[in-house]
Amino acid sequence: MPAKGKVIRLEDVPWRRNDDPRDWLNFKRLLWEETGSKELCVGLGELPPGRVLGLHHHVGDAEFYYVLSGRAKVTVEDLEVDATPGTAIYIPPSAKHSIVNNGREKFVILYGLNAPTRRFVWDEPLKE
């Protein structure tokens, strides 16, 4: 029997944020394990001005960012990108990456991973 599709509307998904000072990304997971996906995770992320998504990686999972609005410095291993609207960034499996929003407006991205959830490992210690 073929798998059934799923439709998710952005306005029906609540904003979330991890309770960790290394991660200021507000996100809406649209397609992921809780909405029936077994193969991928797709969502919308917003990083407020002056905030960061700290250095981390996804063990074995590739990720992409597509910038919708704002401007931020995105680092993938030793590559630094001045990410602006229309920029697509591929993050290979297990590559360390981060986002720093030094701008004056929200940095908004569409993101996706080849996994049903956003599993990650921090590559910087938690500051007390």
PDB file of N, CA and C in Angstrom:
ATOM      1  N   MET A   1       0.841  -1.180   0.000  1.00  0.00           N
ATOM      2  CA  MET A   1       0.000   0.000   0.000  1.00  0.00           C
ATOM      3  C   MET A   1       0.887   1.244   0.000  1.00  0.00           C
ATOM      4  N   PRO A   2       0.646   2.207  -0.913  1.00  0.00           N
ATOM      5  CA  PRO A   2       1.476   3.419  -0.966  1.00  0.00           C
ATOM      6  C   PRO A   2       1.287   4.283   0.283  1.00  0.00           C
ATOM      7  N   ALA A   3       2.339   5.002   0.612  1.00  0.00           N
ATOM      8  CA  ALA A   3       2.276   5.918   1.748  1.00  0.00           C
ATOM      9  C   ALA A   3       1.359   7.084   1.410  1.00  0.00           C
ATOM     10  N   LYS A   4       0.708   7.632   2.419  1.00  0.00           N
ATOM     11  CA  LYS A   4      -0.177   8.772   2.221  1.00  0.00           C
ATOM     12  C   LYS A   4       0.604  10.072   2.352  1.00  0.00           C
ATOM     13  N   GLY A   5       0.221  11.054   1.561  1.00  0.00           N
ATOM     14  CA  GLY A   5       0.822  12.378   1.653  1.00  0.00           C
ATOM     15  C   GLY A   5       0.275  13.132   2.854  1.00  0.00           C
ATOM     16  N   LYS A   6       0.823  14.294   3.089  1.00  0.00           N
ATOM     17  CA  LYS A   6       0.422  15.114   4.230  1.00  0.00           C
ATOM     18  C   LYS A   6       0.508  16.572   3.824  1.00  0.00           C
ATOM     19  N   VAL A   7      -0.438  17.374   4.263  1.00  0.00           N
ATOM     20  CA  VAL A   7      -0.429  18.805   4.006  1.00  0.00           C
ATOM     21  C   VAL A   7      -0.359  19.529   5.339  1.00  0.00           C
ATOM     22  N   ILE A   8       0.608  20.421   5.471  1.00  0.00           N
ATOM     23  CA  ILE A   8       0.788  21.216   6.680  1.00  0.00           C
ATOM     24  C   ILE A   8       0.757  22.680   6.264  1.00  0.00           C
ATOM     25  N   ARG A   9       0.033  23.491   6.978  1.00  0.00           N
ATOM     26  CA  ARG A   9      -0.023  24.921   6.700  1.00  0.00           C
ATOM     27  C   ARG A   9       0.772  25.673   7.755  1.00  0.00           C
ATOM     28  N   LEU A  10       1.599  26.603   7.285  1.00  0.00           N
ATOM     29  CA  LEU A  10       2.488  27.365   8.170  1.00  0.00           C
ATOM     30  C   LEU A  10       1.723  27.976   9.341  1.00  0.00           C
ATOM     31  N   GLU A  11       0.555  28.542   9.082  1.00  0.00           N
ATOM     32  CA  GLU A  11      -0.196  29.212  10.149  1.00  0.00           C
ATOM     33  C   GLU A  11      -0.734  28.250  11.208  1.00  0.00           C
ATOM     34  N   ASP A  12      -0.742  26.950  10.911  1.00  0.00           N
ATOM     35  CA  ASP A  12      -1.228  25.961  11.871  1.00  0.00           C
ATOM     36  C   ASP A  12      -0.131  25.395  12.774  1.00  0.00           C
ATOM     37  N   VAL A  13       1.104  25.800  12.547  1.00  0.00           N
ATOM     38  CA  VAL A  13       2.236  25.257  13.299  1.00  0.00           C
ATOM     39  C   VAL A  13       2.737  26.307  14.284  1.00  0.00           C
ATOM     40  N   PRO A  14       2.877  25.956  15.562  1.00  0.00           N
ATOM     41  CA  PRO A  14       3.361  26.937  16.542  1.00  0.00           C
ATOM     42  C   PRO A  14       4.870  27.170  16.420  1.00  0.00           C
ATOM     43  N   TRP A  15       5.300  28.379  16.773  1.00  0.00           N
ATOM     44  CA  TRP A  15       6.733  28.656  16.866  1.00  0.00           C
ATOM     45  C   TRP A  15       7.281  27.934  18.083  1.00  0.00           C
ATOM     46  N   ARG A  16       8.504  27.447  17.963  1.00  0.00           N
ATOM     47  CA  ARG A  16       9.206  26.779  19.071  1.00  0.00           C
ATOM     48  C   ARG A  16      10.597  27.370  19.186  1.00  0.00           C
ATOM     49  N   ARG A  17      11.208  27.139  20.339  1.00  0.00           N
ATOM     50  CA  ARG A  17      12.614  27.484  20.530  1.00  0.00           C
ATOM     51  C   ARG A  17      13.171  26.539  21.570  1.00  0.00           C
ATOM     52  N   ASN A  18      14.376  26.050  21.325  1.00  0.00           N
ATOM     53  CA  ASN A  18      15.033  25.193  22.306  1.00  0.00           C
ATOM     54  C   ASN A  18      15.419  26.017  23.522  1.00  0.00           C
ATOM     55  N   ASP A  19      15.373  25.408  24.660  1.00  0.00           N
ATOM     56  CA  ASP A  19      15.716  26.086  25.906  1.00  0.00           C
ATOM     57  C   ASP A  19      17.222  25.961  26.156  1.00  0.00           C
ATOM     58  N   ASP A  20      18.000  26.635  25.323  1.00  0.00           N
ATOM     59  CA  ASP A  20      19.455  26.583  25.418  1.00  0.00           C
ATOM     60  C   ASP A  20      20.006  27.914  24.922  1.00  0.00           C
ATOM     61  N   PRO A  21      20.861  28.591  25.698  1.00  0.00           N
ATOM     62  CA  PRO A  21      21.366  29.906  25.284  1.00  0.00           C
ATOM     63  C   PRO A  21      22.264  29.875  24.048  1.00  0.00           C
ATOM     64  N   ARG A  22      22.653  28.693  23.592  1.00  0.00           N
ATOM     65  CA  ARG A  22      23.435  28.590  22.356  1.00  0.00           C
ATOM     66  C   ARG A  22      22.531  28.590  21.131  1.00  0.00           C
ATOM     67  N   ASP A  23      21.231  28.507  21.344  1.00  0.00           N
ATOM     68  CA  ASP A  23      20.289  28.331  20.240  1.00  0.00           C
ATOM     69  C   ASP A  23      19.135  29.319  20.381  1.00  0.00           C
ATOM     70  N   TRP A  24      19.216  30.433  19.661  1.00  0.00           N
ATOM     71  CA  TRP A  24      18.162  31.444  19.675  1.00  0.00           C
ATOM     72  C   TRP A  24      17.267  31.343  18.450  1.00  0.00           C
ATOM     73  N   LEU A  25      17.382  30.246  17.699  1.00  0.00           N
ATOM     74  CA  LEU A  25      16.572  30.083  16.498  1.00  0.00           C
ATOM     75  C   LEU A  25      15.132  29.733  16.880  1.00  0.00           C
ATOM     76  N   ASN A  26      14.198  30.575  16.473  1.00  0.00           N
ATOM     77  CA  ASN A  26      12.775  30.242  16.569  1.00  0.00           C
ATOM     78  C   ASN A  26      12.458  29.430  15.325  1.00  0.00           C
ATOM     79  N   PHE A  27      11.700  28.347  15.479  1.00  0.00           N
ATOM     80  CA  PHE A  27      11.464  27.496  14.317  1.00  0.00           C
ATOM     81  C   PHE A  27      10.053  26.930  14.305  1.00  0.00           C
ATOM     82  N   LYS A  28       9.629  26.597  13.094  1.00  0.00           N
ATOM     83  CA  LYS A  28       8.400  25.860  12.854  1.00  0.00           C
ATOM     84  C   LYS A  28       8.786  24.645  12.033  1.00  0.00           C
ATOM     85  N   ARG A  29       8.655  23.469  12.590  1.00  0.00           N
ATOM     86  CA  ARG A  29       8.897  22.247  11.829  1.00  0.00           C
ATOM     87  C   ARG A  29       7.612  21.910  11.080  1.00  0.00           C
ATOM     88  N   LEU A  30       7.701  21.913   9.769  1.00  0.00           N
ATOM     89  CA  LEU A  30       6.523  21.663   8.942  1.00  0.00           C
ATOM     90  C   LEU A  30       6.366  20.184   8.605  1.00  0.00           C
ATOM     91  N   LEU A  31       7.415  19.610   8.063  1.00  0.00           N
ATOM     92  CA  LEU A  31       7.425  18.189   7.719  1.00  0.00           C
ATOM     93  C   LEU A  31       8.503  17.524   8.561  1.00  0.00           C
ATOM     94  N   TRP A  32       8.090  16.571   9.380  1.00  0.00           N
ATOM     95  CA  TRP A  32       9.043  15.839  10.211  1.00  0.00           C
ATOM     96  C   TRP A  32       8.323  14.657  10.820  1.00  0.00           C
ATOM     97  N   GLU A  33       8.990  13.946  11.727  1.00  0.00           N
ATOM     98  CA  GLU A  33       8.420  12.707  12.242  1.00  0.00           C
ATOM     99  C   GLU A  33       7.049  12.899  12.890  1.00  0.00           C
ATOM    100  N   GLU A  34       6.814  14.022  13.543  1.00  0.00           N
ATOM    101  CA  GLU A  34       5.520  14.240  14.192  1.00  0.00           C
ATOM    102  C   GLU A  34       4.391  14.540  13.212  1.00  0.00           C
ATOM    103  N   THR A  35       4.738  14.889  11.979  1.00  0.00           N
ATOM    104  CA  THR A  35       3.703  15.107  10.960  1.00  0.00           C
ATOM    105  C   THR A  35       3.687  13.975   9.933  1.00  0.00           C
ATOM    106  N   GLY A  36       4.394  12.890  10.234  1.00  0.00           N
ATOM    107  CA  GLY A  36       4.327  11.697   9.397  1.00  0.00           C
ATOM    108  C   GLY A  36       5.505  11.428   8.488  1.00  0.00           C
ATOM    109  N   SER A  37       6.507  12.310   8.465  1.00  0.00           N
ATOM    110  CA  SER A  37       7.663  12.089   7.596  1.00  0.00           C
ATOM    111  C   SER A  37       8.636  11.103   8.234  1.00  0.00           C
ATOM    112  N   LYS A  38       9.063  10.162   7.460  1.00  0.00           N
ATOM    113  CA  LYS A  38      10.077   9.213   7.935  1.00  0.00           C
ATOM    114  C   LYS A  38      11.432   9.461   7.273  1.00  0.00           C
ATOM    115  N   GLU A  39      11.470  10.388   6.279  1.00  0.00           N
ATOM    116  CA  GLU A  39      12.683  10.590   5.496  1.00  0.00           C
ATOM    117  C   GLU A  39      13.309  11.971   5.608  1.00  0.00           C
ATOM    118  N   LEU A  40      12.544  12.988   6.001  1.00  0.00           N
ATOM    119  CA  LEU A  40      13.112  14.328   5.991  1.00  0.00           C
ATOM    120  C   LEU A  40      12.430  15.234   7.009  1.00  0.00           C
ATOM    121  N   CYS A  41      13.109  16.349   7.263  1.00  0.00           N
ATOM    122  CA  CYS A  41      12.620  17.394   8.158  1.00  0.00           C
ATOM    123  C   CYS A  41      12.752  18.716   7.398  1.00  0.00           C
ATOM    124  N   VAL A  42      11.660  19.454   7.292  1.00  0.00           N
ATOM    125  CA  VAL A  42      11.668  20.755   6.619  1.00  0.00           C
ATOM    126  C   VAL A  42      10.981  21.753   7.534  1.00  0.00           C
ATOM    127  N   GLY A  43      11.584  22.926   7.677  1.00  0.00           N
ATOM    128  CA  GLY A  43      10.984  23.919   8.552  1.00  0.00           C
ATOM    129  C   GLY A  43      11.394  25.331   8.184  1.00  0.00           C
ATOM    130  N   LEU A  44      10.828  26.267   8.932  1.00  0.00           N
ATOM    131  CA  LEU A  44      11.131  27.679   8.798  1.00  0.00           C
ATOM    132  C   LEU A  44      11.835  28.105  10.071  1.00  0.00           C
ATOM    133  N   GLY A  45      12.918  28.866   9.936  1.00  0.00           N
ATOM    134  CA  GLY A  45      13.647  29.351  11.099  1.00  0.00           C
ATOM    135  C   GLY A  45      13.793  30.854  11.068  1.00  0.00           C
ATOM    136  N   GLU A  46      13.699  31.480  12.241  1.00  0.00           N
ATOM    137  CA  GLU A  46      13.908  32.925  12.377  1.00  0.00           C
ATOM    138  C   GLU A  46      14.915  33.170  13.484  1.00  0.00           C
ATOM    139  N   LEU A  47      15.951  33.936  13.173  1.00  0.00           N
ATOM    140  CA  LEU A  47      16.961  34.293  14.163  1.00  0.00           C
ATOM    141  C   LEU A  47      16.881  35.799  14.389  1.00  0.00           C
ATOM    142  N   PRO A  48      16.499  36.235  15.596  1.00  0.00           N
ATOM    143  CA  PRO A  48      16.377  37.671  15.866  1.00  0.00           C
ATOM    144  C   PRO A  48      17.716  38.399  15.742  1.00  0.00           C
ATOM    145  N   PRO A  49      17.663  39.704  15.527  1.00  0.00           N
ATOM    146  CA  PRO A  49      18.891  40.509  15.459  1.00  0.00           C
ATOM    147  C   PRO A  49      19.726  40.339  16.725  1.00  0.00           C
ATOM    148  N   GLY A  50      21.053  40.237  16.535  1.00  0.00           N
ATOM    149  CA  GLY A  50      21.971  40.115  17.663  1.00  0.00           C
ATOM    150  C   GLY A  50      22.043  38.739  18.278  1.00  0.00           C
ATOM    151  N   ARG A  51      21.386  37.761  17.705  1.00  0.00           N
ATOM    152  CA  ARG A  51      21.345  36.405  18.282  1.00  0.00           C
ATOM    153  C   ARG A  51      22.121  35.415  17.433  1.00  0.00           C
ATOM    154  N   VAL A  52      22.371  34.242  18.016  1.00  0.00           N
ATOM    155  CA  VAL A  52      23.166  33.214  17.346  1.00  0.00           C
ATOM    156  C   VAL A  52      22.486  31.850  17.408  1.00  0.00           C
ATOM    157  N   LEU A  53      22.816  31.039  16.450  1.00  0.00           N
ATOM    158  CA  LEU A  53      22.617  29.597  16.518  1.00  0.00           C
ATOM    159  C   LEU A  53      24.028  29.060  16.597  1.00  0.00           C
ATOM    160  N   GLY A  54      24.409  28.602  17.787  1.00  0.00           N
ATOM    161  CA  GLY A  54      25.791  28.229  18.060  1.00  0.00           C
ATOM    162  C   GLY A  54      26.308  27.073  17.221  1.00  0.00           C
ATOM    163  N   LEU A  55      27.615  26.905  17.273  1.00  0.00           N
ATOM    164  CA  LEU A  55      28.304  25.875  16.500  1.00  0.00           C
ATOM    165  C   LEU A  55      27.802  24.486  16.903  1.00  0.00           C
ATOM    166  N   HIS A  56      27.344  23.738  15.895  1.00  0.00           N
ATOM    167  CA  HIS A  56      26.811  22.398  16.123  1.00  0.00           C
ATOM    168  C   HIS A  56      26.950  21.583  14.840  1.00  0.00           C
ATOM    169  N   HIS A  57      26.599  20.316  14.923  1.00  0.00           N
ATOM    170  CA  HIS A  57      26.567  19.471  13.734  1.00  0.00           C
ATOM    171  C   HIS A  57      25.471  18.425  13.886  1.00  0.00           C
ATOM    172  N   HIS A  58      25.125  17.808  12.773  1.00  0.00           N
ATOM    173  CA  HIS A  58      24.110  16.764  12.732  1.00  0.00           C
ATOM    174  C   HIS A  58      24.811  15.474  12.332  1.00  0.00           C
ATOM    175  N   VAL A  59      24.903  14.538  13.241  1.00  0.00           N
ATOM    176  CA  VAL A  59      25.635  13.298  13.004  1.00  0.00           C
ATOM    177  C   VAL A  59      24.995  12.526  11.852  1.00  0.00           C
ATOM    178  N   GLY A  60      25.713  12.449  10.743  1.00  0.00           N
ATOM    179  CA  GLY A  60      25.259  11.684   9.591  1.00  0.00           C
ATOM    180  C   GLY A  60      24.162  12.326   8.759  1.00  0.00           C
ATOM    181  N   ASP A  61      23.685  13.516   9.146  1.00  0.00           N
ATOM    182  CA  ASP A  61      22.586  14.150   8.419  1.00  0.00           C
ATOM    183  C   ASP A  61      23.072  15.379   7.659  1.00  0.00           C
ATOM    184  N   ALA A  62      22.708  15.470   6.386  1.00  0.00           N
ATOM    185  CA  ALA A  62      22.969  16.669   5.585  1.00  0.00           C
ATOM    186  C   ALA A  62      21.843  17.664   5.846  1.00  0.00           C
ATOM    187  N   GLU A  63      22.142  18.951   5.638  1.00  0.00           N
ATOM    188  CA  GLU A  63      21.150  20.001   5.855  1.00  0.00           C
ATOM    189  C   GLU A  63      21.311  21.063   4.778  1.00  0.00           C
ATOM    190  N   PHE A  64      20.246  21.818   4.542  1.00  0.00           N
ATOM    191  CA  PHE A  64      20.360  22.984   3.682  1.00  0.00           C
ATOM    192  C   PHE A  64      19.661  24.161   4.348  1.00  0.00           C
ATOM    193  N   TYR A  65      20.130  25.363   4.014  1.00  0.00           N
ATOM    194  CA  TYR A  65      19.459  26.602   4.376  1.00  0.00           C
ATOM    195  C   TYR A  65      19.159  27.333   3.068  1.00  0.00           C
ATOM    196  N   TYR A  66      17.978  27.930   2.982  1.00  0.00           N
ATOM    197  CA  TYR A  66      17.656  28.839   1.892  1.00  0.00           C
ATOM    198  C   TYR A  66      17.172  30.128   2.543  1.00  0.00           C
ATOM    199  N   VAL A  67      17.889  31.229   2.301  1.00  0.00           N
ATOM    200  CA  VAL A  67      17.609  32.488   2.979  1.00  0.00           C
ATOM    201  C   VAL A  67      16.419  33.190   2.325  1.00  0.00           C
ATOM    202  N   LEU A  68      15.414  33.499   3.148  1.00  0.00           N
ATOM    203  CA  LEU A  68      14.212  34.189   2.683  1.00  0.00           C
ATOM    204  C   LEU A  68      14.292  35.696   2.932  1.00  0.00           C
ATOM    205  N   SER A  69      14.847  36.094   4.090  1.00  0.00           N
ATOM    206  CA  SER A  69      14.991  37.523   4.380  1.00  0.00           C
ATOM    207  C   SER A  69      16.060  37.730   5.446  1.00  0.00           C
ATOM    208  N   GLY A  70      16.537  38.980   5.519  1.00  0.00           N
ATOM    209  CA  GLY A  70      17.568  39.323   6.486  1.00  0.00           C
ATOM    210  C   GLY A  70      18.963  39.040   5.956  1.00  0.00           C
ATOM    211  N   ARG A  71      19.916  39.179   6.859  1.00  0.00           N
ATOM    212  CA  ARG A  71      21.324  38.962   6.514  1.00  0.00           C
ATOM    213  C   ARG A  71      22.030  38.443   7.764  1.00  0.00           C
ATOM    214  N   ALA A  72      22.893  37.444   7.582  1.00  0.00           N
ATOM    215  CA  ALA A  72      23.636  36.889   8.714  1.00  0.00           C
ATOM    216  C   ALA A  72      24.914  36.231   8.203  1.00  0.00           C
ATOM    217  N   LYS A  73      25.834  36.005   9.136  1.00  0.00           N
ATOM    218  CA  LYS A  73      27.047  35.251   8.817  1.00  0.00           C
ATOM    219  C   LYS A  73      26.771  33.782   9.135  1.00  0.00           C
ATOM    220  N   VAL A  74      26.847  32.958   8.103  1.00  0.00           N
ATOM    221  CA  VAL A  74      26.685  31.520   8.275  1.00  0.00           C
ATOM    222  C   VAL A  74      28.053  30.890   8.069  1.00  0.00           C
ATOM    223  N   THR A  75      28.458  30.077   9.009  1.00  0.00           N
ATOM    224  CA  THR A  75      29.742  29.387   8.936  1.00  0.00           C
ATOM    225  C   THR A  75      29.490  27.890   8.788  1.00  0.00           C
ATOM    226  N   VAL A  76      30.146  27.279   7.805  1.00  0.00           N
ATOM    227  CA  VAL A  76      30.111  25.833   7.606  1.00  0.00           C
ATOM    228  C   VAL A  76      31.565  25.385   7.546  1.00  0.00           C
ATOM    229  N   GLU A  77      32.012  24.720   8.618  1.00  0.00           N
ATOM    230  CA  GLU A  77      33.428  24.350   8.769  1.00  0.00           C
ATOM    231  C   GLU A  77      34.281  25.610   8.596  1.00  0.00           C
ATOM    232  N   ASP A  78      35.149  25.693   7.560  1.00  0.00           N
ATOM    233  CA  ASP A  78      36.013  26.868   7.395  1.00  0.00           C
ATOM    234  C   ASP A  78      35.476  27.858   6.352  1.00  0.00           C
ATOM    235  N   LEU A  79      34.240  27.653   5.897  1.00  0.00           N
ATOM    236  CA  LEU A  79      33.603  28.547   4.939  1.00  0.00           C
ATOM    237  C   LEU A  79      32.705  29.533   5.675  1.00  0.00           C
ATOM    238  N   GLU A  80      32.910  30.848   5.440  1.00  0.00           N
ATOM    239  CA  GLU A  80      32.037  31.881   5.997  1.00  0.00           C
ATOM    240  C   GLU A  80      31.251  32.513   4.865  1.00  0.00           C
ATOM    241  N   VAL A  81      29.936  32.575   5.026  1.00  0.00           N
ATOM    242  CA  VAL A  81      29.051  33.089   3.986  1.00  0.00           C
ATOM    243  C   VAL A  81      28.297  34.303   4.519  1.00  0.00           C
ATOM    244  N   ASP A  82      28.297  35.389   3.746  1.00  0.00           N
ATOM    245  CA  ASP A  82      27.436  36.526   4.019  1.00  0.00           C
ATOM    246  C   ASP A  82      26.099  36.157   3.383  1.00  0.00           C
ATOM    247  N   ALA A  83      25.212  35.578   4.176  1.00  0.00           N
ATOM    248  CA  ALA A  83      23.979  35.007   3.657  1.00  0.00           C
ATOM    249  C   ALA A  83      22.882  36.062   3.571  1.00  0.00           C
ATOM    250  N   THR A  84      22.358  36.250   2.376  1.00  0.00           N
ATOM    251  CA  THR A  84      21.310  37.223   2.084  1.00  0.00           C
ATOM    252  C   THR A  84      20.185  36.509   1.325  1.00  0.00           C
ATOM    253  N   PRO A  85      19.033  37.157   1.155  1.00  0.00           N
ATOM    254  CA  PRO A  85      17.932  36.499   0.458  1.00  0.00           C
ATOM    255  C   PRO A  85      18.342  35.925  -0.896  1.00  0.00           C
ATOM    256  N   GLY A  86      17.892  34.696  -1.127  1.00  0.00           N
ATOM    257  CA  GLY A  86      18.229  33.997  -2.367  1.00  0.00           C
ATOM    258  C   GLY A  86      19.452  33.109  -2.253  1.00  0.00           C
ATOM    259  N   THR A  87      20.138  33.136  -1.104  1.00  0.00           N
ATOM    260  CA  THR A  87      21.322  32.303  -0.891  1.00  0.00           C
ATOM    261  C   THR A  87      20.899  30.906  -0.441  1.00  0.00           C
ATOM    262  N   ALA A  88      21.428  29.881  -1.109  1.00  0.00           N
ATOM    263  CA  ALA A  88      21.217  28.491  -0.707  1.00  0.00           C
ATOM    264  C   ALA A  88      22.540  27.949  -0.194  1.00  0.00           C
ATOM    265  N   ILE A  89      22.504  27.288   0.941  1.00  0.00           N
ATOM    266  CA  ILE A  89      23.718  26.771   1.569  1.00  0.00           C
ATOM    267  C   ILE A  89      23.530  25.281   1.839  1.00  0.00           C
ATOM    268  N   TYR A  90      24.461  24.479   1.334  1.00  0.00           N
ATOM    269  CA  TYR A  90      24.465  23.037   1.599  1.00  0.00           C
ATOM    270  C   TYR A  90      25.428  22.755   2.744  1.00  0.00           C
ATOM    271  N   ILE A  91      24.959  21.994   3.719  1.00  0.00           N
ATOM    272  CA  ILE A  91      25.772  21.624   4.878  1.00  0.00           C
ATOM    273  C   ILE A  91      25.925  20.101   4.853  1.00  0.00           C
ATOM    274  N   PRO A  92      27.122  19.605   4.534  1.00  0.00           N
ATOM    275  CA  PRO A  92      27.324  18.155   4.434  1.00  0.00           C
ATOM    276  C   PRO A  92      27.078  17.437   5.759  1.00  0.00           C
ATOM    277  N   PRO A  93      26.840  16.134   5.718  1.00  0.00           N
ATOM    278  CA  PRO A  93      26.652  15.372   6.944  1.00  0.00           C
ATOM    279  C   PRO A  93      27.803  15.595   7.929  1.00  0.00           C
ATOM    280  N   SER A  94      27.454  15.838   9.170  1.00  0.00           N
ATOM    281  CA  SER A  94      28.394  16.006  10.286  1.00  0.00           C
ATOM    282  C   SER A  94      29.250  17.268  10.221  1.00  0.00           C
ATOM    283  N   ALA A  95      29.016  18.176   9.258  1.00  0.00           N
ATOM    284  CA  ALA A  95      29.800  19.416   9.173  1.00  0.00           C
ATOM    285  C   ALA A  95      29.382  20.379  10.283  1.00  0.00           C
ATOM    286  N   LYS A  96      30.362  20.977  10.948  1.00  0.00           N
ATOM    287  CA  LYS A  96      30.086  21.957  12.000  1.00  0.00           C
ATOM    288  C   LYS A  96      29.647  23.268  11.356  1.00  0.00           C
ATOM    289  N   HIS A  97      28.560  23.861  11.898  1.00  0.00           N
ATOM    290  CA  HIS A  97      28.034  25.093  11.320  1.00  0.00           C
ATOM    291  C   HIS A  97      27.351  25.949  12.383  1.00  0.00           C
ATOM    292  N   SER A  98      27.225  27.251  12.072  1.00  0.00           N
ATOM    293  CA  SER A  98      26.608  28.199  12.995  1.00  0.00           C
ATOM    294  C   SER A  98      26.039  29.374  12.206  1.00  0.00           C
ATOM    295  N   ILE A  99      25.205  30.169  12.887  1.00  0.00           N
ATOM    296  CA  ILE A  99      24.649  31.393  12.302  1.00  0.00           C
ATOM    297  C   ILE A  99      24.803  32.510  13.326  1.00  0.00           C
ATOM    298  N   VAL A 100      25.269  33.670  12.866  1.00  0.00           N
ATOM    299  CA  VAL A 100      25.357  34.869  13.703  1.00  0.00           C
ATOM    300  C   VAL A 100      24.593  35.978  12.979  1.00  0.00           C
ATOM    301  N   ASN A 101      23.552  36.496  13.627  1.00  0.00           N
ATOM    302  CA  ASN A 101      22.782  37.590  13.045  1.00  0.00           C
ATOM    303  C   ASN A 101      23.252  38.892  13.674  1.00  0.00           C
ATOM    304  N   ASN A 102      24.151  39.576  13.001  1.00  0.00           N
ATOM    305  CA  ASN A 102      24.634  40.878  13.460  1.00  0.00           C
ATOM    306  C   ASN A 102      23.846  42.018  12.838  1.00  0.00           C
ATOM    307  N   GLY A 103      22.793  41.692  12.099  1.00  0.00           N
ATOM    308  CA  GLY A 103      22.004  42.706  11.418  1.00  0.00           C
ATOM    309  C   GLY A 103      20.943  43.331  12.312  1.00  0.00           C
ATOM    310  N   ARG A 104      20.094  44.132  11.679  1.00  0.00           N
ATOM    311  CA  ARG A 104      19.040  44.843  12.396  1.00  0.00           C
ATOM    312  C   ARG A 104      17.653  44.247  12.174  1.00  0.00           C
ATOM    313  N   GLU A 105      17.593  43.192  11.361  1.00  0.00           N
ATOM    314  CA  GLU A 105      16.295  42.568  11.106  1.00  0.00           C
ATOM    315  C   GLU A 105      16.399  41.062  11.308  1.00  0.00           C
ATOM    316  N   LYS A 106      15.245  40.410  11.418  1.00  0.00           N
ATOM    317  CA  LYS A 106      15.225  38.963  11.569  1.00  0.00           C
ATOM    318  C   LYS A 106      15.872  38.305  10.359  1.00  0.00           C
ATOM    319  N   PHE A 107      16.596  37.240  10.608  1.00  0.00           N
ATOM    320  CA  PHE A 107      17.169  36.405   9.560  1.00  0.00           C
ATOM    321  C   PHE A 107      16.239  35.202   9.429  1.00  0.00           C
ATOM    322  N   VAL A 108      15.642  35.027   8.265  1.00  0.00           N
ATOM    323  CA  VAL A 108      14.630  33.983   8.078  1.00  0.00           C
ATOM    324  C   VAL A 108      15.110  32.999   7.012  1.00  0.00           C
ATOM    325  N   ILE A 109      15.061  31.714   7.365  1.00  0.00           N
ATOM    326  CA  ILE A 109      15.499  30.659   6.449  1.00  0.00           C
ATOM    327  C   ILE A 109      14.457  29.548   6.342  1.00  0.00           C
ATOM    328  N   LEU A 110      14.464  28.911   5.206  1.00  0.00           N
ATOM    329  CA  LEU A 110      13.840  27.618   5.030  1.00  0.00           C
ATOM    330  C   LEU A 110      14.974  26.621   5.228  1.00  0.00           C
ATOM    331  N   TYR A 111      14.767  25.601   6.040  1.00  0.00           N
ATOM    332  CA  TYR A 111      15.825  24.613   6.251  1.00  0.00           C
ATOM    333  C   TYR A 111      15.272  23.214   6.042  1.00  0.00           C
ATOM    334  N   GLY A 112      16.165  22.296   5.772  1.00  0.00           N
ATOM    335  CA  GLY A 112      15.757  20.908   5.614  1.00  0.00           C
ATOM    336  C   GLY A 112      16.904  19.967   5.905  1.00  0.00           C
ATOM    337  N   LEU A 113      16.556  18.793   6.400  1.00  0.00           N
ATOM    338  CA  LEU A 113      17.523  17.742   6.688  1.00  0.00           C
ATOM    339  C   LEU A 113      17.024  16.432   6.103  1.00  0.00           C
ATOM    340  N   ASN A 114      17.958  15.543   5.787  1.00  0.00           N
ATOM    341  CA  ASN A 114      17.584  14.229   5.276  1.00  0.00           C
ATOM    342  C   ASN A 114      17.381  13.252   6.436  1.00  0.00           C
ATOM    343  N   ALA A 115      16.615  13.700   7.432  1.00  0.00           N
ATOM    344  CA  ALA A 115      16.280  12.908   8.614  1.00  0.00           C
ATOM    345  C   ALA A 115      14.906  13.371   9.082  1.00  0.00           C
ATOM    346  N   PRO A 116      14.162  12.540   9.793  1.00  0.00           N
ATOM    347  CA  PRO A 116      12.815  12.924  10.195  1.00  0.00           C
ATOM    348  C   PRO A 116      12.735  13.897  11.368  1.00  0.00           C
ATOM    349  N   THR A 117      13.865  14.286  11.917  1.00  0.00           N
ATOM    350  CA  THR A 117      13.890  15.271  12.991  1.00  0.00           C
ATOM    351  C   THR A 117      15.201  16.033  12.936  1.00  0.00           C
ATOM    352  N   ARG A 118      15.339  17.047  13.777  1.00  0.00           N
ATOM    353  CA  ARG A 118      16.538  17.894  13.786  1.00  0.00           C
ATOM    354  C   ARG A 118      17.428  17.459  14.948  1.00  0.00           C
ATOM    355  N   ARG A 119      18.181  16.393  14.742  1.00  0.00           N
ATOM    356  CA  ARG A 119      19.112  15.903  15.765  1.00  0.00           C
ATOM    357  C   ARG A 119      20.408  16.681  15.647  1.00  0.00           C
ATOM    358  N   PHE A 120      20.960  17.117  16.772  1.00  0.00           N
ATOM    359  CA  PHE A 120      22.214  17.867  16.685  1.00  0.00           C
ATOM    360  C   PHE A 120      23.081  17.637  17.902  1.00  0.00           C
ATOM    361  N   VAL A 121      24.365  17.960  17.722  1.00  0.00           N
ATOM    362  CA  VAL A 121      25.364  17.868  18.782  1.00  0.00           C
ATOM    363  C   VAL A 121      26.049  19.214  18.863  1.00  0.00           C
ATOM    364  N   TRP A 122      26.134  19.791  20.061  1.00  0.00           N
ATOM    365  CA  TRP A 122      26.820  21.072  20.235  1.00  0.00           C
ATOM    366  C   TRP A 122      28.328  20.893  20.116  1.00  0.00           C
ATOM    367  N   ASP A 123      28.969  21.844  19.453  1.00  0.00           N
ATOM    368  CA  ASP A 123      30.424  21.828  19.305  1.00  0.00           C
ATOM    369  C   ASP A 123      31.069  22.966  20.094  1.00  0.00           C
ATOM    370  N   GLU A 124      30.310  23.572  20.965  1.00  0.00           N
ATOM    371  CA  GLU A 124      30.842  24.590  21.858  1.00  0.00           C
ATOM    372  C   GLU A 124      30.230  24.356  23.235  1.00  0.00           C
ATOM    373  N   PRO A 125      30.996  24.619  24.274  1.00  0.00           N
ATOM    374  CA  PRO A 125      30.464  24.350  25.628  1.00  0.00           C
ATOM    375  C   PRO A 125      29.393  25.356  26.019  1.00  0.00           C
ATOM    376  N   LEU A 126      28.547  24.938  26.925  1.00  0.00           N
ATOM    377  CA  LEU A 126      27.531  25.819  27.476  1.00  0.00           C
ATOM    378  C   LEU A 126      28.205  26.783  28.450  1.00  0.00           C
ATOM    379  N   LYS A 127      28.004  28.091  28.225  1.00  0.00           N
ATOM    380  CA  LYS A 127      28.602  29.094  29.110  1.00  0.00           C
ATOM    381  C   LYS A 127      27.707  29.289  30.323  1.00  0.00           C
ATOM    382  N   GLU A 128      28.326  29.368  31.474  1.00  0.00           N
ATOM    383  CA  GLU A 128      27.539  29.536  32.716  1.00  0.00           C
ATOM    384  C   GLU A 128      27.430  30.975  33.109  1.00  0.00           C
TER     385      GLU A 128
END
